[in-house]
Protein backbone atom coordinates (compact mmCIF):
# COMPACT_ATOMS: atom_id res chain seq x y z
CA LEU A 1 -145.32 24.44 -97.68
CA THR A 2 -144.17 25.55 -94.25
CA LEU A 3 -140.72 26.78 -93.24
CA ALA A 4 -139.99 26.49 -89.50
CA VAL A 5 -137.79 29.28 -88.10
CA VAL A 6 -135.96 28.79 -84.77
CA LEU A 7 -133.90 31.85 -83.81
CA PRO A 8 -133.34 34.25 -80.89
CA GLU A 9 -136.51 36.33 -80.67
CA ARG A 10 -135.29 39.60 -79.13
CA ASN A 11 -131.59 39.56 -78.25
CA LEU A 12 -129.98 41.71 -80.93
CA THR A 13 -126.42 40.84 -79.89
CA TYR A 14 -126.78 37.77 -82.11
CA PRO A 15 -126.19 38.37 -85.85
CA TRP A 16 -129.05 35.92 -86.57
CA ALA A 17 -131.60 37.45 -84.17
CA TRP A 18 -135.15 37.32 -85.53
CA PRO A 19 -135.49 41.11 -86.06
CA ARG A 20 -132.42 40.89 -88.32
CA VAL A 21 -133.35 37.71 -90.20
CA GLY A 22 -137.14 38.07 -90.18
CA PRO A 23 -137.22 40.82 -92.83
CA ALA A 24 -135.23 38.63 -95.24
CA VAL A 25 -137.55 35.67 -94.57
CA ARG A 26 -140.57 37.85 -95.36
CA LEU A 27 -139.00 39.13 -98.58
CA ALA A 28 -137.92 35.64 -99.65
CA ALA A 29 -141.35 34.12 -99.04
CA ALA A 30 -143.04 36.96 -100.94
CA ALA A 31 -140.62 36.55 -103.86
CA VAL A 32 -141.22 32.80 -104.05
CA ASN A 33 -145.01 33.17 -103.86
CA ALA A 34 -144.91 35.82 -106.58
CA ARG A 35 -143.41 33.23 -108.95
CA PRO A 36 -145.98 30.47 -109.55
CA ASP A 37 -143.45 28.67 -111.74
CA LEU A 38 -141.12 28.06 -108.78
CA LEU A 39 -143.45 25.93 -106.64
CA PRO A 40 -146.48 25.20 -108.83
CA GLY A 41 -149.57 24.51 -106.74
CA PHE A 42 -147.93 25.47 -103.44
CA HIS A 43 -147.81 28.53 -101.19
CA LEU A 44 -144.79 29.13 -98.95
CA ARG A 45 -145.36 30.28 -95.38
CA TRP A 46 -143.24 30.40 -92.24
CA VAL A 47 -143.78 29.77 -88.52
CA PHE A 48 -141.51 30.95 -85.73
CA GLY A 49 -140.21 29.50 -82.47
CA SER A 50 -137.74 31.21 -80.14
CA SER A 51 -134.39 29.65 -79.27
CA GLU A 52 -133.95 32.01 -76.30
CA ASP A 53 -134.39 31.18 -72.66
CA GLY A 54 -137.31 32.57 -70.68
CA HIS A 55 -136.09 36.15 -70.24
CA GLY A 56 -138.48 38.49 -72.02
CA ASP A 57 -136.40 41.66 -71.61
CA GLY A 58 -134.35 41.36 -74.78
CA HIS A 59 -131.42 39.82 -72.92
CA GLY A 60 -132.38 36.16 -73.19
CA VAL A 61 -129.56 33.95 -74.43
CA CYS A 62 -129.57 31.00 -76.81
CA SER A 63 -130.84 28.02 -74.87
CA GLU A 64 -129.94 24.41 -75.68
CA MET A 65 -133.19 23.45 -73.93
CA ALA A 66 -135.57 26.02 -75.45
CA ALA A 67 -134.43 25.56 -79.05
CA PRO A 68 -135.05 21.81 -79.44
CA LEU A 69 -138.37 22.13 -77.58
CA ALA A 70 -139.42 24.88 -79.99
CA ALA A 71 -138.35 22.71 -82.93
CA VAL A 72 -140.37 19.74 -81.70
CA ASP A 73 -143.44 21.93 -81.12
CA LEU A 74 -143.20 23.37 -84.64
CA ARG A 75 -142.69 19.92 -86.12
CA LEU A 76 -145.76 18.47 -84.40
CA ALA A 77 -148.04 21.47 -84.95
CA HIS A 78 -147.11 22.54 -88.49
CA HIS A 79 -145.25 19.67 -90.23
CA PRO A 80 -142.65 21.92 -91.87
CA VAL A 81 -140.65 20.85 -94.92
CA ALA A 82 -137.45 22.57 -93.73
CA PHE A 83 -135.95 24.45 -90.79
CA LEU A 84 -134.20 27.83 -90.76
CA GLY A 85 -131.89 28.18 -87.78
CA PRO A 86 -130.86 28.02 -85.03
CA GLY A 87 -127.63 29.97 -85.41
CA CYS A 88 -125.91 29.50 -82.05
CA VAL A 89 -123.65 26.46 -81.81
CA TYR A 90 -125.19 24.97 -78.66
CA THR A 91 -128.74 25.37 -79.95
CA ALA A 92 -128.07 24.39 -83.57
CA ALA A 93 -126.48 21.06 -82.59
CA PRO A 94 -129.50 19.41 -80.86
CA VAL A 95 -131.98 20.84 -83.38
CA ALA A 96 -129.85 19.58 -86.28
CA ARG A 97 -129.85 16.10 -84.72
CA PHE A 98 -133.64 16.19 -84.57
CA THR A 99 -134.04 17.44 -88.15
CA SER A 100 -131.62 14.79 -89.37
CA HIS A 101 -133.76 12.14 -87.64
CA TRP A 102 -136.86 13.65 -89.28
CA ARG A 103 -135.05 13.69 -92.65
CA LEU A 104 -135.64 17.42 -92.98
CA PRO A 105 -133.05 19.97 -94.20
CA LEU A 106 -131.80 22.68 -91.86
CA VAL A 107 -130.28 25.92 -93.17
CA THR A 108 -128.43 28.30 -90.88
CA ALA A 109 -126.20 31.36 -91.12
CA GLY A 110 -124.49 30.26 -87.91
CA ALA A 111 -123.32 26.91 -86.50
CA GLU A 112 -119.77 27.91 -87.41
CA ALA A 113 -118.05 25.36 -85.18
CA HIS A 114 -115.73 22.75 -86.63
CA GLY A 115 -117.92 19.85 -85.51
CA PHE A 116 -120.65 20.73 -88.01
CA ASP A 117 -118.27 19.77 -90.84
CA ASP A 118 -119.03 16.11 -90.14
CA LYS A 119 -121.68 15.27 -92.75
CA ARG A 120 -121.60 11.50 -92.33
CA GLU A 121 -124.51 11.22 -89.90
CA GLN A 122 -126.13 13.77 -87.59
CA PHE A 123 -125.27 16.93 -89.57
CA GLY A 124 -125.70 15.45 -93.03
CA LEU A 125 -128.76 17.59 -93.78
CA THR A 126 -127.37 20.81 -92.24
CA THR A 127 -126.36 23.58 -94.66
CA ARG A 128 -124.44 26.60 -93.43
CA ALA A 129 -125.00 29.73 -95.50
CA GLY A 130 -122.60 31.85 -93.46
CA PRO A 131 -118.92 31.63 -92.54
CA SER A 132 -117.48 28.48 -90.96
CA HIS A 133 -114.49 28.31 -88.66
CA ARG A 134 -112.97 25.53 -90.75
CA LYS A 135 -112.74 28.04 -93.63
CA LEU A 136 -111.16 30.50 -91.22
CA GLY A 137 -108.58 27.88 -90.29
CA GLU A 138 -107.90 27.18 -93.97
CA LEU A 139 -107.31 30.89 -94.51
CA GLY A 140 -104.73 30.77 -91.73
CA VAL A 141 -103.01 27.85 -93.45
CA GLN A 142 -102.86 29.82 -96.70
CA LEU A 143 -101.36 32.81 -94.90
CA HIS A 144 -98.60 30.67 -93.44
CA HIS A 145 -97.93 29.14 -96.85
CA ARG A 146 -97.88 32.52 -98.55
CA PHE A 147 -95.49 34.20 -96.15
CA ASN A 148 -93.47 31.10 -95.24
CA TRP A 149 -94.36 31.23 -91.54
CA THR A 150 -93.26 27.74 -90.62
CA ARG A 151 -92.28 27.71 -86.96
CA ARG A 152 -94.86 28.91 -84.43
CA ALA A 153 -98.28 30.50 -84.12
CA LEU A 154 -100.08 31.66 -80.99
CA LEU A 155 -103.85 31.83 -80.44
CA VAL A 156 -105.05 34.35 -77.84
CA TYR A 157 -108.77 34.16 -77.08
CA TRP A 158 -111.46 34.99 -74.54
CA ASP A 159 -113.57 32.16 -73.15
CA GLU A 160 -116.18 32.71 -70.44
CA LYS A 161 -117.71 29.23 -70.95
CA VAL A 162 -121.18 30.75 -70.97
CA ASP A 163 -123.68 31.46 -73.74
CA ASP A 164 -122.35 30.48 -77.19
CA ARG A 165 -118.56 30.87 -76.57
CA PRO A 166 -117.96 32.58 -79.95
CA TYR A 167 -114.29 33.37 -79.37
CA PHE A 168 -113.49 29.82 -78.31
CA PHE A 169 -115.07 28.34 -81.42
CA ALA A 170 -113.38 30.90 -83.69
CA ALA A 171 -110.02 29.91 -82.24
CA GLU A 172 -110.94 26.24 -82.64
CA GLY A 173 -110.95 26.47 -86.43
CA LEU A 174 -107.39 27.78 -86.45
CA TYR A 175 -106.31 25.35 -83.73
CA VAL A 176 -107.49 22.39 -85.81
CA GLN A 177 -106.29 23.52 -89.24
CA LEU A 178 -102.93 25.18 -88.57
CA PRO A 179 -101.24 22.00 -87.27
CA THR A 180 -101.77 20.45 -90.72
CA LEU A 181 -98.70 22.49 -91.67
CA ARG A 182 -95.64 20.35 -91.14
CA ASN A 183 -93.39 21.43 -88.24
CA LEU A 184 -95.64 24.35 -87.23
CA THR A 185 -96.15 24.56 -83.46
CA VAL A 186 -99.52 26.02 -82.45
CA MET A 187 -100.00 27.21 -78.87
CA ASP A 188 -102.83 29.01 -77.11
CA VAL A 189 -103.42 31.31 -74.16
CA VAL A 190 -106.72 32.46 -72.66
CA PHE A 191 -107.72 35.92 -71.40
CA ARG A 192 -108.82 35.90 -67.77
CA ASP A 193 -111.40 38.02 -65.96
CA GLY A 194 -109.91 41.28 -64.79
CA GLY A 195 -107.41 41.39 -67.64
CA ASN A 196 -104.18 39.39 -67.51
CA PHE A 197 -102.62 41.53 -70.22
CA SER A 198 -99.11 41.52 -68.81
CA PHE A 199 -99.14 37.72 -68.73
CA ILE A 200 -100.51 37.58 -72.28
CA ILE A 201 -97.73 39.88 -73.50
CA GLN A 202 -95.07 37.67 -71.92
CA GLU A 203 -96.63 34.61 -73.54
CA ILE A 204 -96.54 36.35 -76.93
CA LYS A 205 -92.87 37.24 -76.47
CA GLN A 206 -91.99 33.66 -75.61
CA LYS A 207 -94.28 31.61 -77.87
CA GLY A 208 -95.08 33.26 -81.16
CA ARG A 209 -94.46 36.05 -83.63
CA ILE A 210 -97.69 35.27 -85.50
CA VAL A 211 -100.59 35.99 -83.16
CA TYR A 212 -104.30 35.35 -83.77
CA VAL A 213 -106.59 37.21 -81.36
CA CYS A 214 -110.27 36.31 -80.72
CA CYS A 215 -111.99 38.62 -78.24
CA ALA A 216 -114.24 41.66 -77.90
CA PRO A 217 -113.07 44.90 -79.56
CA GLU A 218 -112.47 46.59 -76.19
CA THR A 219 -110.26 43.72 -75.07
CA LEU A 220 -108.25 43.89 -78.30
CA ARG A 221 -107.64 47.62 -77.80
CA GLU A 222 -106.34 47.08 -74.27
CA LEU A 223 -104.10 44.27 -75.48
CA MET A 224 -102.66 46.36 -78.31
CA LEU A 225 -102.02 49.32 -76.01
CA GLN A 226 -100.03 46.99 -73.76
CA ALA A 227 -98.28 45.46 -76.77
CA GLY A 228 -97.30 48.95 -77.92
CA ARG A 229 -95.81 49.80 -74.54
CA GLU A 230 -93.80 46.56 -74.63
CA GLY A 231 -92.44 47.23 -78.14
CA LEU A 232 -94.36 44.45 -79.91
CA THR A 233 -95.90 46.65 -82.60
CA ARG A 234 -92.79 47.72 -84.51
CA GLY A 235 -92.90 45.01 -87.17
CA ASP A 236 -91.44 41.97 -85.42
CA TYR A 237 -94.89 40.59 -84.54
CA ALA A 238 -97.98 40.18 -86.73
CA PHE A 239 -101.41 40.36 -85.06
CA PHE A 240 -104.53 39.01 -86.78
CA TYR A 241 -107.82 39.96 -85.17
CA ILE A 242 -110.68 37.55 -85.87
CA ASP A 243 -113.83 39.66 -86.22
CA ILE A 244 -116.15 37.53 -88.38
CA PHE A 245 -119.11 39.93 -88.50
CA GLY A 246 -117.09 43.16 -88.38
CA ALA A 247 -118.23 44.33 -84.93
CA SER A 248 -115.09 46.43 -84.47
CA LEU A 249 -115.70 48.25 -87.78
CA GLN A 250 -119.39 49.11 -87.63
CA GLY A 251 -119.72 52.88 -87.57
CA THR A 252 -122.75 54.93 -86.63
CA ARG A 253 -122.93 56.72 -89.98
CA PHE A 254 -122.77 54.96 -93.33
CA PRO A 255 -120.46 54.66 -95.22
CA GLU A 256 -117.90 55.76 -92.64
CA PRO A 257 -116.54 52.76 -90.69
CA GLN A 258 -115.67 52.90 -87.06
CA HIS A 259 -111.96 53.17 -86.34
CA PRO A 260 -111.34 50.16 -84.06
CA TRP A 261 -108.66 52.02 -82.12
CA LYS A 262 -110.69 55.19 -81.49
CA ARG A 263 -112.54 55.80 -78.23
CA GLY A 264 -112.16 59.55 -77.82
CA ASP A 265 -109.83 59.24 -74.84
CA ARG A 266 -106.21 60.13 -74.13
CA HIS A 267 -105.02 56.73 -75.41
CA ASP A 268 -106.29 57.20 -78.98
CA ALA A 269 -102.94 58.27 -80.43
CA SER A 270 -101.09 55.33 -78.88
CA ALA A 271 -103.86 52.92 -79.87
CA ARG A 272 -103.82 54.13 -83.47
CA GLN A 273 -100.09 53.54 -83.69
CA ALA A 274 -100.37 50.10 -82.08
CA PHE A 275 -103.15 49.06 -84.47
CA GLU A 276 -100.76 49.46 -87.39
CA ALA A 277 -99.57 45.97 -86.42
CA VAL A 278 -103.11 44.54 -86.63
CA THR A 279 -104.85 42.96 -89.63
CA ILE A 280 -108.59 42.44 -89.13
CA ILE A 281 -110.08 39.30 -90.68
CA THR A 282 -113.79 39.81 -91.30
CA TYR A 283 -116.65 38.50 -93.40
CA LYS A 284 -116.66 39.87 -96.94
CA GLU A 285 -119.61 42.10 -97.73
CA PRO A 286 -121.30 41.29 -101.06
CA GLU A 287 -120.21 43.39 -104.04
CA ASN A 288 -122.79 42.31 -106.62
CA PRO A 289 -125.05 45.10 -107.97
CA GLU A 290 -128.20 43.56 -106.48
CA TYR A 291 -126.92 43.88 -102.91
CA ARG A 292 -127.49 47.58 -102.21
CA PRO A 293 -131.10 47.65 -103.49
CA PHE A 294 -131.80 44.47 -101.50
CA LEU A 295 -130.29 46.08 -98.39
CA ALA A 296 -132.54 49.12 -98.81
CA ARG A 297 -135.63 46.87 -99.05
CA LEU A 298 -134.43 44.90 -96.04
CA LYS A 299 -134.08 48.04 -93.92
CA GLU A 300 -137.56 49.19 -94.89
CA GLU A 301 -139.02 45.78 -94.08
CA ALA A 302 -137.25 45.70 -90.71
CA LEU A 303 -138.54 49.12 -89.71
CA THR A 304 -142.09 48.50 -90.91
CA HIS A 305 -142.70 45.00 -89.58
CA PHE A 306 -140.18 44.59 -86.76
CA ASN A 307 -139.74 48.17 -85.51
CA PHE A 308 -136.02 47.62 -85.92
CA SER A 309 -133.55 50.12 -87.41
CA MET A 310 -131.06 48.06 -89.35
CA LYS A 311 -127.56 49.38 -90.00
CA ASP A 312 -126.31 49.76 -93.54
CA GLY A 313 -124.33 46.54 -93.45
CA LEU A 314 -120.79 45.60 -92.69
CA VAL A 315 -117.99 47.84 -93.86
CA GLY A 316 -114.99 45.58 -93.62
CA HIS A 317 -111.56 47.12 -93.75
CA GLY A 318 -108.81 44.54 -93.62
CA MET A 319 -108.56 41.00 -94.87
CA GLU A 320 -111.95 39.65 -95.87
CA LEU A 321 -113.00 36.02 -95.89
């Protein structure tokens, strides 16, 4: 039996890059093959195709052309029984349409966008093993129910309209789900190149006390510094930072997390105070006893077979999905 893997080959900015996922695929295949009772008479193997564009320098991005071509090549050459990946939204969508036509299952840790929730036709055989933005939106709904926030919410997000647009799709889940609350007005404002922080602050003052922010950690810090100067961090406003994979919390030494406000500059003290108004929403790290030993094996596999030094995992401080 053959498993076809379609993922970014070298670009480690993606959580589902092959050097990160490959070690787990190797361990899983070895575990299955070591148990003859699981697939009697069969041997599980995997084949790989890259979903990146043609750049070979480690900076190639997910390509909505390369991914489906890789999937078709793997289908014709190896006749796989299932697909693993892609993870990026714009590459997962066309590949999932192909695999649905082929009547083959597709499993991915990505494809978080709201559109993949539609299981009636083209995504009926797509299974997402990671977080989805619909679940993120449902969490927002529960927060508003719990604290009786019934009037307005504001979404502030970055959107370059290139690559996979992760902040746009994260905001989409909230944008779709929050209006299911009766009488709640949901508005949005977009960061611009060069930093329109003063404009963003004025929009927050006028349009919402409950603010969801989707952007890079550096952008969040600049926003919160400005919010602190404008008096928005004294308890009258609640800021929720959407950081699904905990990028703002990943420290260089385990188990110490990174302080998302800290940069070692003269603004650290002000940033730390401003961040008291921020709750970080991130993916919950597993707590079962098998996780740490598995993580140790994963790191060893990554270093041995992929020449990749894997971090110790996410250390999420804040509200966890």
